[in-house]
C-alpha atoms as a PDB file:
ATOM      1  CA  MET A   1    -185.307  -6.650  41.026  1.00  0.00           C
ATOM      2  CA  THR A   2    -184.863  -8.273  37.619  1.00  0.00           C
ATOM      3  CA  ALA A   3    -187.866  -9.697  35.755  1.00  0.00           C
ATOM      4  CA  GLU A   4    -186.603 -13.176  36.548  1.00  0.00           C
ATOM      5  CA  GLY A   5    -186.242 -12.365  40.231  1.00  0.00           C
ATOM      6  CA  PHE A   6    -189.710 -10.787  40.269  1.00  0.00           C
ATOM      7  CA  VAL A   7    -191.333 -13.851  38.731  1.00  0.00           C
ATOM      8  CA  ALA A   8    -189.444 -16.088  41.186  1.00  0.00           C
ATOM      9  CA  ALA A   9    -190.760 -13.984  44.097  1.00  0.00           C
ATOM     10  CA  LEU A  10    -194.300 -14.349  42.791  1.00  0.00           C
ATOM     11  CA  ARG A  11    -193.974 -18.099  42.301  1.00  0.00           C
ATOM     12  CA  ALA A  12    -192.479 -18.488  45.777  1.00  0.00           C
ATOM     13  CA  GLN A  13    -195.921 -17.617  47.146  1.00  0.00           C
ATOM     14  CA  SER A  14    -196.951 -21.163  46.154  1.00  0.00           C
ATOM     15  CA  GLN A  15    -195.519 -22.160  49.562  1.00  0.00           C
ATOM     16  CA  ARG A  16    -198.461 -20.317  51.151  1.00  0.00           C
ATOM     17  CA  TYR A  17    -201.133 -21.677  48.766  1.00  0.00           C
ATOM     18  CA  HIS A  18    -204.193 -23.294  50.299  1.00  0.00           C
ATOM     19  CA  ASP A  19    -203.450 -26.693  48.772  1.00  0.00           C
ATOM     20  CA  GLN A  20    -201.304 -27.188  51.896  1.00  0.00           C
ATOM     21  CA  HIS A  21    -204.142 -26.425  54.329  1.00  0.00           C
ATOM     22  CA  PRO A  22    -205.003 -29.484  56.496  1.00  0.00           C
ATOM     23  CA  PHE A  23    -208.637 -29.351  55.362  1.00  0.00           C
ATOM     24  CA  HIS A  24    -207.595 -29.429  51.725  1.00  0.00           C
ATOM     25  CA  VAL A  25    -205.078 -32.213  52.333  1.00  0.00           C
ATOM     26  CA  ALA A  26    -207.773 -34.219  54.065  1.00  0.00           C
ATOM     27  CA  MET A  27    -210.150 -33.639  51.192  1.00  0.00           C
ATOM     28  CA  ASN A  28    -207.672 -34.907  48.637  1.00  0.00           C
ATOM     29  CA  GLU A  29    -206.880 -37.929  50.767  1.00  0.00           C
ATOM     30  CA  GLY A  30    -210.578 -38.868  50.958  1.00  0.00           C
ATOM     31  CA  HIS A  31    -210.954 -38.205  54.702  1.00  0.00           C
ATOM     32  CA  LEU A  32    -213.835 -35.727  54.653  1.00  0.00           C
ATOM     33  CA  SER A  33    -217.354 -36.755  55.651  1.00  0.00           C
ATOM     34  CA  ARG A  34    -220.252 -36.105  53.345  1.00  0.00           C
ATOM     35  CA  ARG A  35    -221.341 -33.188  55.542  1.00  0.00           C
ATOM     36  CA  GLN A  36    -217.860 -31.627  55.510  1.00  0.00           C
ATOM     37  CA  LEU A  37    -217.636 -31.914  51.736  1.00  0.00           C
ATOM     38  CA  GLN A  38    -221.110 -30.411  51.381  1.00  0.00           C
ATOM     39  CA  GLY A  39    -220.011 -27.555  53.690  1.00  0.00           C
ATOM     40  CA  TRP A  40    -216.979 -26.890  51.557  1.00  0.00           C
ATOM     41  CA  VAL A  41    -219.007 -26.865  48.326  1.00  0.00           C
ATOM     42  CA  ALA A  42    -221.713 -24.547  49.762  1.00  0.00           C
ATOM     43  CA  ASN A  43    -219.212 -22.093  51.225  1.00  0.00           C
ATOM     44  CA  ARG A  44    -216.907 -22.121  48.242  1.00  0.00           C
ATOM     45  CA  PHE A  45    -219.898 -21.149  46.074  1.00  0.00           C
ATOM     46  CA  TYR A  46    -219.838 -17.758  47.801  1.00  0.00           C
ATOM     47  CA  TYR A  47    -216.311 -17.322  46.468  1.00  0.00           C
ATOM     48  CA  GLN A  48    -217.244 -18.547  43.011  1.00  0.00           C
ATOM     49  CA  GLU A  49    -220.231 -16.229  42.629  1.00  0.00           C
ATOM     50  CA  ASN A  50    -218.156 -13.239  43.676  1.00  0.00           C
ATOM     51  CA  LEU A  51    -215.348 -13.794  41.134  1.00  0.00           C
ATOM     52  CA  PRO A  52    -217.191 -11.946  38.328  1.00  0.00           C
ATOM     53  CA  ARG A  53    -217.693  -9.022  40.683  1.00  0.00           C
ATOM     54  CA  LYS A  54    -213.999  -9.014  41.490  1.00  0.00           C
ATOM     55  CA  ASP A  55    -213.128  -9.121  37.807  1.00  0.00           C
ATOM     56  CA  ALA A  56    -215.639  -6.389  36.962  1.00  0.00           C
ATOM     57  CA  ALA A  57    -213.954  -4.224  39.602  1.00  0.00           C
ATOM     58  CA  ILE A  58    -210.607  -4.751  37.932  1.00  0.00           C
ATOM     59  CA  LEU A  59    -212.141  -3.870  34.554  1.00  0.00           C
ATOM     60  CA  SER A  60    -213.643  -0.679  35.954  1.00  0.00           C
ATOM     61  CA  ASN A  61    -210.262   0.488  37.217  1.00  0.00           C
ATOM     62  CA  CYS A  62    -208.142  -0.626  34.289  1.00  0.00           C
ATOM     63  CA  PRO A  63    -207.278   2.076  31.703  1.00  0.00           C
ATOM     64  CA  ASP A  64    -205.623  -0.416  29.262  1.00  0.00           C
ATOM     65  CA  ARG A  65    -208.046  -1.399  26.475  1.00  0.00           C
ATOM     66  CA  GLU A  66    -206.103  -4.511  25.469  1.00  0.00           C
ATOM     67  CA  VAL A  67    -206.037  -5.803  29.028  1.00  0.00           C
ATOM     68  CA  ARG A  68    -209.811  -5.184  29.347  1.00  0.00           C
ATOM     69  CA  ARG A  69    -210.535  -7.036  26.106  1.00  0.00           C
ATOM     70  CA  ARG A  70    -208.841 -10.168  27.433  1.00  0.00           C
ATOM     71  CA  TRP A  71    -209.840  -9.825  31.077  1.00  0.00           C
ATOM     72  CA  ILE A  72    -213.565  -9.736  30.329  1.00  0.00           C
ATOM     73  CA  ARG A  73    -213.290 -13.346  29.215  1.00  0.00           C
ATOM     74  CA  ARG A  74    -212.967 -14.286  32.895  1.00  0.00           C
ATOM     75  CA  ILE A  75    -216.437 -12.897  33.592  1.00  0.00           C
ATOM     76  CA  LEU A  76    -217.904 -14.853  30.726  1.00  0.00           C
ATOM     77  CA  ASP A  77    -216.129 -18.008  31.926  1.00  0.00           C
ATOM     78  CA  HIS A  78    -217.951 -17.743  35.257  1.00  0.00           C
ATOM     79  CA  ASP A  79    -221.280 -16.195  34.284  1.00  0.00           C
ATOM     80  CA  GLY A  80    -221.594 -18.146  31.049  1.00  0.00           C
ATOM     81  CA  THR A  81    -222.981 -17.074  27.742  1.00  0.00           C
ATOM     82  CA  GLU A  82    -226.203 -17.863  25.905  1.00  0.00           C
ATOM     83  CA  GLY A  83    -226.215 -21.560  25.223  1.00  0.00           C
ATOM     84  CA  GLU A  84    -223.063 -22.225  27.236  1.00  0.00           C
ATOM     85  CA  GLN A  85    -222.856 -22.821  30.972  1.00  0.00           C
ATOM     86  CA  GLY A  86    -220.273 -20.985  32.997  1.00  0.00           C
ATOM     87  CA  GLY A  87    -218.414 -21.740  36.147  1.00  0.00           C
ATOM     88  CA  ILE A  88    -221.175 -20.679  38.490  1.00  0.00           C
ATOM     89  CA  GLU A  89    -223.652 -23.050  36.818  1.00  0.00           C
ATOM     90  CA  ALA A  90    -221.014 -25.774  36.887  1.00  0.00           C
ATOM     91  CA  TRP A  91    -220.522 -25.250  40.652  1.00  0.00           C
ATOM     92  CA  LEU A  92    -224.290 -25.481  41.201  1.00  0.00           C
ATOM     93  CA  ARG A  93    -224.218 -28.822  39.440  1.00  0.00           C
ATOM     94  CA  LEU A  94    -221.404 -29.880  41.757  1.00  0.00           C
ATOM     95  CA  ALA A  95    -223.592 -28.868  44.681  1.00  0.00           C
ATOM     96  CA  GLU A  96    -226.362 -31.096  43.386  1.00  0.00           C
ATOM     97  CA  ALA A  97    -223.861 -33.917  42.872  1.00  0.00           C
ATOM     98  CA  VAL A  98    -222.880 -33.810  46.545  1.00  0.00           C
ATOM     99  CA  GLY A  99    -226.518 -33.803  47.704  1.00  0.00           C
ATOM    100  CA  LEU A 100    -227.301 -30.121  48.102  1.00  0.00           C
ATOM    101  CA  THR A 101    -230.131 -28.205  46.431  1.00  0.00           C
ATOM    102  CA  ARG A 102    -229.559 -25.180  44.269  1.00  0.00           C
ATOM    103  CA  GLU A 103    -231.831 -23.154  46.511  1.00  0.00           C
ATOM    104  CA  GLU A 104    -229.893 -23.790  49.704  1.00  0.00           C
ATOM    105  CA  VAL A 105    -226.599 -22.951  47.991  1.00  0.00           C
ATOM    106  CA  ARG A 106    -227.819 -19.834  46.229  1.00  0.00           C
ATOM    107  CA  ASP A 107    -229.536 -18.367  49.289  1.00  0.00           C
ATOM    108  CA  GLU A 108    -226.204 -18.648  51.182  1.00  0.00           C
ATOM    109  CA  ARG A 109    -227.785 -20.218  54.277  1.00  0.00           C
ATOM    110  CA  HIS A 110    -224.660 -22.318  54.827  1.00  0.00           C
ATOM    111  CA  VAL A 111    -222.095 -19.553  54.361  1.00  0.00           C
ATOM    112  CA  VAL A 112    -220.167 -19.053  57.598  1.00  0.00           C
ATOM    113  CA  PRO A 113    -219.074 -15.551  58.729  1.00  0.00           C
ATOM    114  CA  GLY A 114    -215.354 -16.153  58.210  1.00  0.00           C
ATOM    115  CA  VAL A 115    -215.874 -17.160  54.586  1.00  0.00           C
ATOM    116  CA  ARG A 116    -218.097 -14.123  53.894  1.00  0.00           C
ATOM    117  CA  PHE A 117    -215.579 -11.818  55.540  1.00  0.00           C
ATOM    118  CA  ALA A 118    -212.593 -13.179  53.562  1.00  0.00           C
ATOM    119  CA  VAL A 119    -214.355 -13.181  50.198  1.00  0.00           C
ATOM    120  CA  ASP A 120    -215.808  -9.677  50.725  1.00  0.00           C
ATOM    121  CA  ALA A 121    -212.316  -8.470  51.577  1.00  0.00           C
ATOM    122  CA  TYR A 122    -211.011  -9.890  48.320  1.00  0.00           C
ATOM    123  CA  VAL A 123    -213.708  -8.124  46.293  1.00  0.00           C
ATOM    124  CA  ASN A 124    -213.075  -4.880  48.175  1.00  0.00           C
ATOM    125  CA  PHE A 125    -209.357  -5.247  47.510  1.00  0.00           C
ATOM    126  CA  ALA A 126    -210.011  -5.405  43.764  1.00  0.00           C
ATOM    127  CA  ARG A 127    -212.261  -2.360  43.995  1.00  0.00           C
ATOM    128  CA  THR A 128    -209.985  -0.123  46.024  1.00  0.00           C
ATOM    129  CA  ARG A 129    -206.380  -1.043  45.232  1.00  0.00           C
ATOM    130  CA  PRO A 130    -204.533  -0.138  42.012  1.00  0.00           C
ATOM    131  CA  TRP A 131    -205.739  -2.338  39.210  1.00  0.00           C
ATOM    132  CA  VAL A 132    -202.306  -3.912  38.622  1.00  0.00           C
ATOM    133  CA  GLU A 133    -202.197  -5.074  42.262  1.00  0.00           C
ATOM    134  CA  ALA A 134    -205.640  -6.585  41.813  1.00  0.00           C
ATOM    135  CA  VAL A 135    -204.374  -8.412  38.743  1.00  0.00           C
ATOM    136  CA  ALA A 136    -201.381  -9.631  40.759  1.00  0.00           C
ATOM    137  CA  SER A 137    -203.669 -11.014  43.404  1.00  0.00           C
ATOM    138  CA  SER A 138    -205.233 -13.331  40.815  1.00  0.00           C
ATOM    139  CA  LEU A 139    -201.891 -15.041  40.207  1.00  0.00           C
ATOM    140  CA  THR A 140    -202.800 -17.868  42.561  1.00  0.00           C
ATOM    141  CA  GLU A 141    -203.884 -19.340  39.189  1.00  0.00           C
ATOM    142  CA  LEU A 142    -200.191 -20.012  38.605  1.00  0.00           C
ATOM    143  CA  PHE A 143    -200.554 -22.770  41.221  1.00  0.00           C
ATOM    144  CA  ALA A 144    -204.072 -23.914  40.269  1.00  0.00           C
ATOM    145  CA  PRO A 145    -203.552 -26.416  37.406  1.00  0.00           C
ATOM    146  CA  ASP A 146    -201.733 -28.933  39.587  1.00  0.00           C
ATOM    147  CA  LEU A 147    -204.318 -28.434  42.328  1.00  0.00           C
ATOM    148  CA  MET A 148    -207.197 -29.006  39.916  1.00  0.00           C
ATOM    149  CA  THR A 149    -205.594 -32.177  38.523  1.00  0.00           C
ATOM    150  CA  GLU A 150    -205.143 -33.552  42.026  1.00  0.00           C
ATOM    151  CA  ARG A 151    -208.618 -32.479  43.152  1.00  0.00           C
ATOM    152  CA  LEU A 152    -210.309 -34.025  40.128  1.00  0.00           C
ATOM    153  CA  ALA A 153    -208.452 -37.339  40.630  1.00  0.00           C
ATOM    154  CA  ALA A 154    -209.288 -37.290  44.352  1.00  0.00           C
ATOM    155  CA  PHE A 155    -212.980 -36.689  43.790  1.00  0.00           C
ATOM    156  CA  GLU A 156    -213.210 -39.404  41.191  1.00  0.00           C
ATOM    157  CA  SER A 157    -211.332 -42.009  43.218  1.00  0.00           C
ATOM    158  CA  ARG A 158    -212.016 -41.108  46.878  1.00  0.00           C
ATOM    159  CA  TYR A 159    -215.652 -39.997  46.692  1.00  0.00           C
ATOM    160  CA  PRO A 160    -217.348 -42.427  44.279  1.00  0.00           C
ATOM    161  CA  TRP A 161    -220.769 -41.322  45.578  1.00  0.00           C
ATOM    162  CA  ILE A 162    -220.372 -38.030  43.776  1.00  0.00           C
ATOM    163  CA  ASP A 163    -221.791 -38.061  40.219  1.00  0.00           C
ATOM    164  CA  SER A 164    -218.896 -37.537  37.798  1.00  0.00           C
ATOM    165  CA  ALA A 165    -221.107 -35.203  35.747  1.00  0.00           C
ATOM    166  CA  GLY A 166    -220.889 -32.751  38.621  1.00  0.00           C
ATOM    167  CA  LEU A 167    -217.119 -32.351  38.201  1.00  0.00           C
ATOM    168  CA  THR A 168    -217.341 -30.235  35.070  1.00  0.00           C
ATOM    169  CA  TYR A 169    -216.023 -27.106  36.834  1.00  0.00           C
ATOM    170  CA  PHE A 170    -212.713 -28.788  37.686  1.00  0.00           C
ATOM    171  CA  ARG A 171    -212.259 -30.121  34.171  1.00  0.00           C
ATOM    172  CA  ALA A 172    -212.848 -26.658  32.654  1.00  0.00           C
ATOM    173  CA  ARG A 173    -210.355 -24.987  34.937  1.00  0.00           C
ATOM    174  CA  LEU A 174    -207.592 -27.337  33.736  1.00  0.00           C
ATOM    175  CA  ARG A 175    -207.783 -25.329  30.496  1.00  0.00           C
ATOM    176  CA  GLN A 176    -208.798 -21.936  31.734  1.00  0.00           C
ATOM    177  CA  ALA A 177    -206.423 -21.444  34.695  1.00  0.00           C
ATOM    178  CA  PRO A 178    -203.135 -21.733  32.705  1.00  0.00           C
ATOM    179  CA  ARG A 179    -204.477 -19.349  30.035  1.00  0.00           C
ATOM    180  CA  ASP A 180    -205.584 -16.803  32.631  1.00  0.00           C
ATOM    181  CA  ALA A 181    -202.392 -17.095  34.672  1.00  0.00           C
ATOM    182  CA  GLU A 182    -200.207 -16.571  31.569  1.00  0.00           C
ATOM    183  CA  HIS A 183    -202.072 -13.358  30.698  1.00  0.00           C
ATOM    184  CA  ALA A 184    -202.092 -12.008  34.262  1.00  0.00           C
ATOM    185  CA  LEU A 185    -198.365 -12.713  34.687  1.00  0.00           C
ATOM    186  CA  GLN A 186    -197.642 -10.946  31.420  1.00  0.00           C
ATOM    187  CA  VAL A 187    -199.627  -7.880  32.562  1.00  0.00           C
ATOM    188  CA  VAL A 188    -197.931  -7.726  35.928  1.00  0.00           C
ATOM    189  CA  ILE A 189    -194.437  -8.062  34.524  1.00  0.00           C
ATOM    190  CA  GLU A 190    -195.151  -5.340  31.990  1.00  0.00           C
ATOM    191  CA  HIS A 191    -196.623  -2.838  34.453  1.00  0.00           C
ATOM    192  CA  CYS A 192    -194.471  -3.482  37.532  1.00  0.00           C
ATOM    193  CA  ARG A 193    -191.080  -2.126  36.672  1.00  0.00           C
ATOM    194  CA  THR A 194    -189.859  -0.515  39.912  1.00  0.00           C
ATOM    195  CA  VAL A 195    -188.909  -2.395  43.052  1.00  0.00           C
ATOM    196  CA  ASP A 196    -191.793  -0.738  44.899  1.00  0.00           C
ATOM    197  CA  GLU A 197    -194.350  -1.824  42.285  1.00  0.00           C
ATOM    198  CA  GLN A 198    -192.983  -5.356  42.291  1.00  0.00           C
ATOM    199  CA  GLN A 199    -193.105  -5.558  46.072  1.00  0.00           C
ATOM    200  CA  HIS A 200    -196.706  -4.384  46.082  1.00  0.00           C
ATOM    201  CA  ALA A 201    -197.560  -7.038  43.503  1.00  0.00           C
ATOM    202  CA  VAL A 202    -195.985  -9.803  45.609  1.00  0.00           C
ATOM    203  CA  ALA A 203    -197.843  -8.490  48.656  1.00  0.00           C
ATOM    204  CA  ALA A 204    -201.100  -8.586  46.688  1.00  0.00           C
ATOM    205  CA  LEU A 205    -200.518 -12.231  45.820  1.00  0.00           C
ATOM    206  CA  SER A 206    -199.652 -12.939  49.435  1.00  0.00           C
ATOM    207  CA  PHE A 207    -202.917 -11.316  50.501  1.00  0.00           C
ATOM    208  CA  LYS A 208    -204.872 -13.564  48.070  1.00  0.00           C
ATOM    209  CA  CYS A 209    -203.182 -16.609  49.558  1.00  0.00           C
ATOM    210  CA  ASP A 210    -204.313 -15.376  52.996  1.00  0.00           C
ATOM    211  CA  VAL A 211    -207.881 -15.035  51.673  1.00  0.00           C
ATOM    212  CA  LEU A 212    -207.988 -18.627  50.396  1.00  0.00           C
ATOM    213  CA  TRP A 213    -206.380 -19.972  53.566  1.00  0.00           C
ATOM    214  CA  SER A 214    -208.855 -18.038  55.747  1.00  0.00           C
ATOM    215  CA  VAL A 215    -211.755 -19.473  53.752  1.00  0.00           C
ATOM    216  CA  LEU A 216    -210.582 -23.007  54.581  1.00  0.00           C
ATOM    217  CA  ASP A 217    -209.904 -22.093  58.208  1.00  0.00           C
ATOM    218  CA  ALA A 218    -213.490 -20.910  58.586  1.00  0.00           C
ATOM    219  CA  ILE A 219    -214.943 -23.994  56.876  1.00  0.00           C
ATOM    220  CA  ASP A 220    -212.720 -26.339  58.851  1.00  0.00           C
ATOM    221  CA  ARG A 221    -213.853 -24.845  62.193  1.00  0.00           C
ATOM    222  CA  ALA A 222    -217.512 -24.752  61.209  1.00  0.00           C
ATOM    223  CA  TYR A 223    -217.656 -28.422  60.175  1.00  0.00           C
ATOM    224  CA  ALA A 224    -215.222 -29.909  62.681  1.00  0.00           C
ATOM    225  CA  ASP A 225    -218.217 -31.185  64.739  1.00  0.00           C
ATOM    226  CA  SER A 226    -219.538 -33.294  61.889  1.00  0.00           C
ATOM    227  CA  GLY A 227    -219.667 -36.395  64.043  1.00  0.00           C
ATOM    228  CA  GLU A 228    -217.079 -38.105  61.855  1.00  0.00           C
ATOM    229  CA  PRO A 229    -213.286 -37.711  62.137  1.00  0.00           C
ATOM    230  CA  ARG A 230    -211.682 -35.561  59.480  1.00  0.00           C
ATOM    231  CA  ARG A 231    -208.637 -37.866  59.463  1.00  0.00           C
ATOM    232  CA  PRO A 232    -208.391 -41.456  60.549  1.00  0.00           C
END
Protein backbone atom coordinates (compact mmCIF):
# COMPACT_ATOMS: atom_id res chain seq x y z
CA MET A 1 0.00 0.00 0.00
CA THR A 2 1.08 3.61 -0.40
CA ALA A 3 2.63 5.49 2.52
CA GLU A 4 -0.58 7.48 2.85
CA GLY A 5 -2.68 4.33 2.90
CA PHE A 6 -0.34 2.75 5.43
CA VAL A 7 -0.60 5.71 7.80
CA ALA A 8 -4.37 5.72 7.38
CA ALA A 9 -4.50 2.03 8.31
CA LEU A 10 -2.45 2.72 11.42
CA ARG A 11 -4.58 5.67 12.44
CA ALA A 12 -7.74 3.63 11.89
CA GLN A 13 -6.75 1.58 14.94
CA SER A 14 -7.91 4.55 17.02
CA GLN A 15 -11.38 3.01 16.72
CA ARG A 16 -10.12 0.21 18.98
CA TYR A 17 -8.31 2.44 21.49
CA HIS A 18 -9.14 2.03 25.16
CA ASP A 19 -10.56 5.54 25.49
CA GLN A 20 -13.81 3.94 24.31
CA HIS A 21 -13.83 1.28 27.03
CA PRO A 22 -16.84 1.66 29.38
CA PHE A 23 -14.56 1.91 32.42
CA HIS A 24 -12.58 4.71 30.83
CA VAL A 25 -15.73 6.52 29.71
CA ALA A 26 -17.10 6.25 33.25
CA MET A 27 -13.84 7.61 34.66
CA ASN A 28 -13.92 10.65 32.41
CA GLU A 29 -17.56 11.29 33.25
CA GLY A 30 -16.80 11.26 36.98
CA HIS A 31 -18.74 8.08 37.76
CA LEU A 32 -16.00 6.03 39.43
CA SER A 33 -15.95 5.53 43.17
CA ARG A 34 -12.82 6.33 45.14
CA ARG A 35 -12.04 2.61 45.42
CA GLN A 36 -12.43 2.07 41.69
CA LEU A 37 -10.16 4.99 40.88
CA GLN A 38 -7.58 3.73 43.37
CA GLY A 39 -7.78 0.30 41.75
CA TRP A 40 -7.13 1.81 38.34
CA VAL A 41 -4.15 3.82 39.59
CA ALA A 42 -2.61 0.85 41.43
CA ASN A 43 -3.03 -1.55 38.51
CA ARG A 44 -1.98 0.94 35.88
CA PHE A 45 1.27 1.42 37.80
CA TYR A 46 2.24 -2.11 36.79
CA TYR A 47 1.98 -0.98 33.17
CA GLN A 48 3.92 2.23 33.86
CA GLU A 49 6.80 0.52 35.62
CA ASN A 50 7.16 -1.98 32.78
CA LEU A 51 7.41 0.61 30.01
CA PRO A 52 11.18 1.11 30.47
CA ARG A 53 11.64 -2.66 30.23
CA LYS A 54 9.63 -2.72 27.02
CA ASP A 55 11.67 0.14 25.59
CA ALA A 56 14.93 -1.49 26.69
CA ALA A 57 13.86 -4.63 24.81
CA ILE A 58 13.32 -2.57 21.66
CA LEU A 59 16.75 -0.98 22.09
CA SER A 60 18.41 -4.36 22.53
CA ASN A 61 16.94 -5.61 19.24
CA CYS A 62 17.38 -2.42 17.21
CA PRO A 63 20.45 -2.28 14.92
CA ASP A 64 19.88 1.37 13.94
CA ARG A 65 22.07 3.72 15.98
CA GLU A 66 20.04 6.83 15.21
CA VAL A 67 16.82 5.15 16.30
CA ARG A 68 18.47 3.98 19.53
CA ARG A 69 19.80 7.48 20.30
CA ARG A 70 16.27 8.90 20.21
CA TRP A 71 14.43 5.89 21.65
CA ILE A 72 16.48 5.86 24.84
CA ARG A 73 14.85 9.15 25.78
CA ARG A 74 11.67 7.20 26.51
CA ILE A 75 13.42 5.26 29.26
CA LEU A 76 14.71 8.46 30.80
CA ASP A 77 11.23 9.99 30.61
CA HIS A 78 9.89 7.17 32.78
CA ASP A 79 12.84 6.33 35.03
CA GLY A 80 13.89 9.95 35.43
CA THR A 81 17.37 11.40 35.70
CA GLU A 82 19.37 12.80 38.57
CA GLY A 83 17.52 15.81 39.87
CA GLU A 84 14.49 15.26 37.63
CA GLN A 85 11.54 13.01 38.37
CA GLY A 86 10.32 10.66 35.69
CA GLY A 87 6.97 9.19 34.85
CA ILE A 88 7.20 6.38 37.40
CA GLU A 89 7.80 8.85 40.23
CA ALA A 90 4.98 11.04 38.91
CA TRP A 91 2.63 8.03 38.95
CA LEU A 92 3.58 7.25 42.54
CA ARG A 93 2.63 10.81 43.42
CA LEU A 94 -0.69 10.27 41.69
CA ALA A 95 -1.16 7.17 43.83
CA GLU A 96 -0.58 9.24 46.96
CA ALA A 97 -2.99 11.87 45.67
CA VAL A 98 -5.79 9.29 45.41
CA GLY A 99 -5.11 7.97 48.91
CA LEU A 100 -2.75 5.04 48.31
CA THR A 101 0.69 4.55 49.84
CA ARG A 102 3.82 4.12 47.78
CA GLU A 103 4.47 0.80 49.48
CA GLU A 104 1.17 -0.79 48.55
CA VAL A 105 1.53 0.35 44.93
CA ARG A 106 5.15 -0.68 44.52
CA ASP A 107 4.72 -4.12 46.08
CA GLU A 108 1.95 -4.86 43.53
CA ARG A 109 -0.49 -6.22 46.11
CA HIS A 110 -3.42 -4.73 44.18
CA VAL A 111 -2.39 -5.94 40.71
CA VAL A 112 -5.01 -8.33 39.36
CA PRO A 113 -4.01 -11.38 37.25
CA GLY A 114 -5.53 -10.07 34.03
CA VAL A 115 -3.52 -6.87 34.21
CA ARG A 116 -0.30 -8.72 34.96
CA PHE A 117 -0.91 -11.14 32.09
CA ALA A 118 -1.64 -8.38 29.56
CA VAL A 119 1.32 -6.20 30.53
CA ASP A 120 3.73 -9.14 30.60
CA ALA A 121 2.50 -10.13 27.14
CA TYR A 122 3.31 -6.65 25.89
CA VAL A 123 6.86 -6.74 27.29
CA ASN A 124 7.34 -10.22 25.84
CA PHE A 125 6.09 -8.99 22.47
CA ALA A 126 8.75 -6.27 22.46
CA ARG A 127 11.43 -8.80 23.38
CA THR A 128 10.56 -11.47 20.83
CA ARG A 129 9.06 -9.76 17.79
CA PRO A 130 11.06 -7.84 15.16
CA TRP A 131 12.03 -4.47 16.58
CA VAL A 132 10.08 -2.50 13.97
CA GLU A 133 6.88 -4.31 14.96
CA ALA A 134 7.59 -3.45 18.59
CA VAL A 135 8.01 0.19 17.57
CA ALA A 136 4.71 0.01 15.67
CA SER A 137 2.97 -1.32 18.76
CA SER A 138 3.88 1.91 20.58
CA LEU A 139 1.88 3.98 18.09
CA THR A 140 -1.11 4.11 20.42
CA GLU A 141 0.66 7.36 21.34
CA LEU A 142 -0.84 8.76 18.15
CA PHE A 143 -4.16 8.71 20.00
CA ALA A 144 -2.85 9.69 23.45
CA PRO A 145 -2.69 13.53 23.40
CA ASP A 146 -6.47 13.93 23.11
CA LEU A 147 -6.95 11.23 25.73
CA MET A 148 -4.56 12.98 28.15
CA THR A 149 -6.25 16.33 27.63
CA GLU A 150 -9.65 14.84 28.39
CA ARG A 151 -8.34 12.81 31.33
CA LEU A 152 -6.62 15.80 32.91
CA ALA A 153 -9.74 17.94 32.57
CA ALA A 154 -11.89 15.13 33.99
CA PHE A 155 -9.68 14.60 37.01
CA GLU A 156 -9.54 18.31 37.77
CA SER A 157 -13.29 18.87 37.42
CA ARG A 158 -14.88 15.53 38.38
CA TYR A 159 -12.63 14.42 41.22
CA PRO A 160 -11.86 17.55 43.25
CA TRP A 161 -10.69 15.40 46.18
CA ILE A 162 -7.54 14.51 44.21
CA ASP A 163 -4.64 16.89 44.89
CA SER A 164 -3.83 18.67 41.62
CA ALA A 165 -0.12 18.26 42.35
CA GLY A 166 -0.60 14.54 41.74
CA LEU A 167 -1.57 15.08 38.10
CA THR A 168 1.96 15.88 36.92
CA TYR A 169 2.20 12.69 34.86
CA PHE A 170 -0.74 13.65 32.66
CA ARG A 171 0.62 17.15 32.08
CA ALA A 172 4.02 15.82 31.04
CA ARG A 173 2.53 13.37 28.56
CA LEU A 174 0.79 16.22 26.73
CA ARG A 175 4.28 17.17 25.54
CA GLN A 176 6.00 13.80 25.41
CA ALA A 177 3.38 11.70 23.61
CA PRO A 178 3.21 13.77 20.39
CA ARG A 179 7.02 13.87 20.21
CA ASP A 180 7.32 10.12 20.72
CA ALA A 181 4.51 9.32 18.29
CA GLU A 182 6.04 11.47 15.56
CA HIS A 183 9.38 9.66 15.87
CA ALA A 184 7.84 6.17 16.02
CA LEU A 185 5.65 6.87 13.00
CA GLN A 186 8.66 8.11 11.06
CA VAL A 187 10.59 4.94 11.92
CA VAL A 188 7.74 2.63 10.96
CA ILE A 189 7.10 4.36 7.64
CA GLU A 190 10.80 4.25 6.79
CA HIS A 191 11.29 0.56 7.63
CA CYS A 192 7.97 -0.93 6.51
CA ARG A 193 8.02 -0.76 2.74
CA THR A 194 6.41 -4.01 1.62
CA VAL A 195 2.74 -4.86 2.06
CA ASP A 196 3.67 -7.73 4.37
CA GLU A 197 5.77 -5.46 6.60
CA GLN A 198 3.00 -2.87 6.71
CA GLN A 199 0.38 -5.46 7.60
CA HIS A 200 2.56 -6.77 10.42
CA ALA A 201 2.96 -3.21 11.73
CA VAL A 202 -0.81 -2.64 11.73
CA ALA A 203 -1.28 -5.99 13.48
CA ALA A 204 1.26 -4.97 16.12
CA LEU A 205 -0.65 -1.78 16.82
CA SER A 206 -3.89 -3.76 16.96
CA PHE A 207 -2.26 -6.07 19.51
CA LYS A 208 -1.28 -3.09 21.67
CA CYS A 209 -4.87 -1.86 21.57
CA ASP A 210 -5.93 -5.31 22.78
CA VAL A 211 -3.42 -5.09 25.64
CA LEU A 212 -4.77 -1.75 26.84
CA TRP A 213 -8.39 -2.90 26.48
CA SER A 214 -7.64 -6.11 28.39
CA VAL A 215 -6.06 -4.11 31.21
CA LEU A 216 -9.28 -2.14 31.62
CA ASP A 217 -11.41 -5.28 31.33
CA ALA A 218 -9.50 -6.83 34.22
CA ILE A 219 -9.71 -3.71 36.38
CA ASP A 220 -13.39 -3.25 35.61
CA ARG A 221 -14.23 -6.81 36.68
CA ALA A 222 -12.06 -6.67 39.80
CA TYR A 223 -13.60 -3.46 41.10
CA ALA A 224 -17.19 -3.92 39.96
CA ASP A 225 -18.18 -4.92 43.51
CA SER A 226 -17.07 -1.63 45.00
CA GLY A 227 -20.42 -1.07 46.66
CA GLU A 228 -21.02 2.02 44.58
CA PRO A 229 -22.49 2.09 41.07
CA ARG A 230 -20.00 2.76 38.30
CA ARG A 231 -22.62 4.73 36.41
CA PRO A 232 -25.73 6.44 37.76
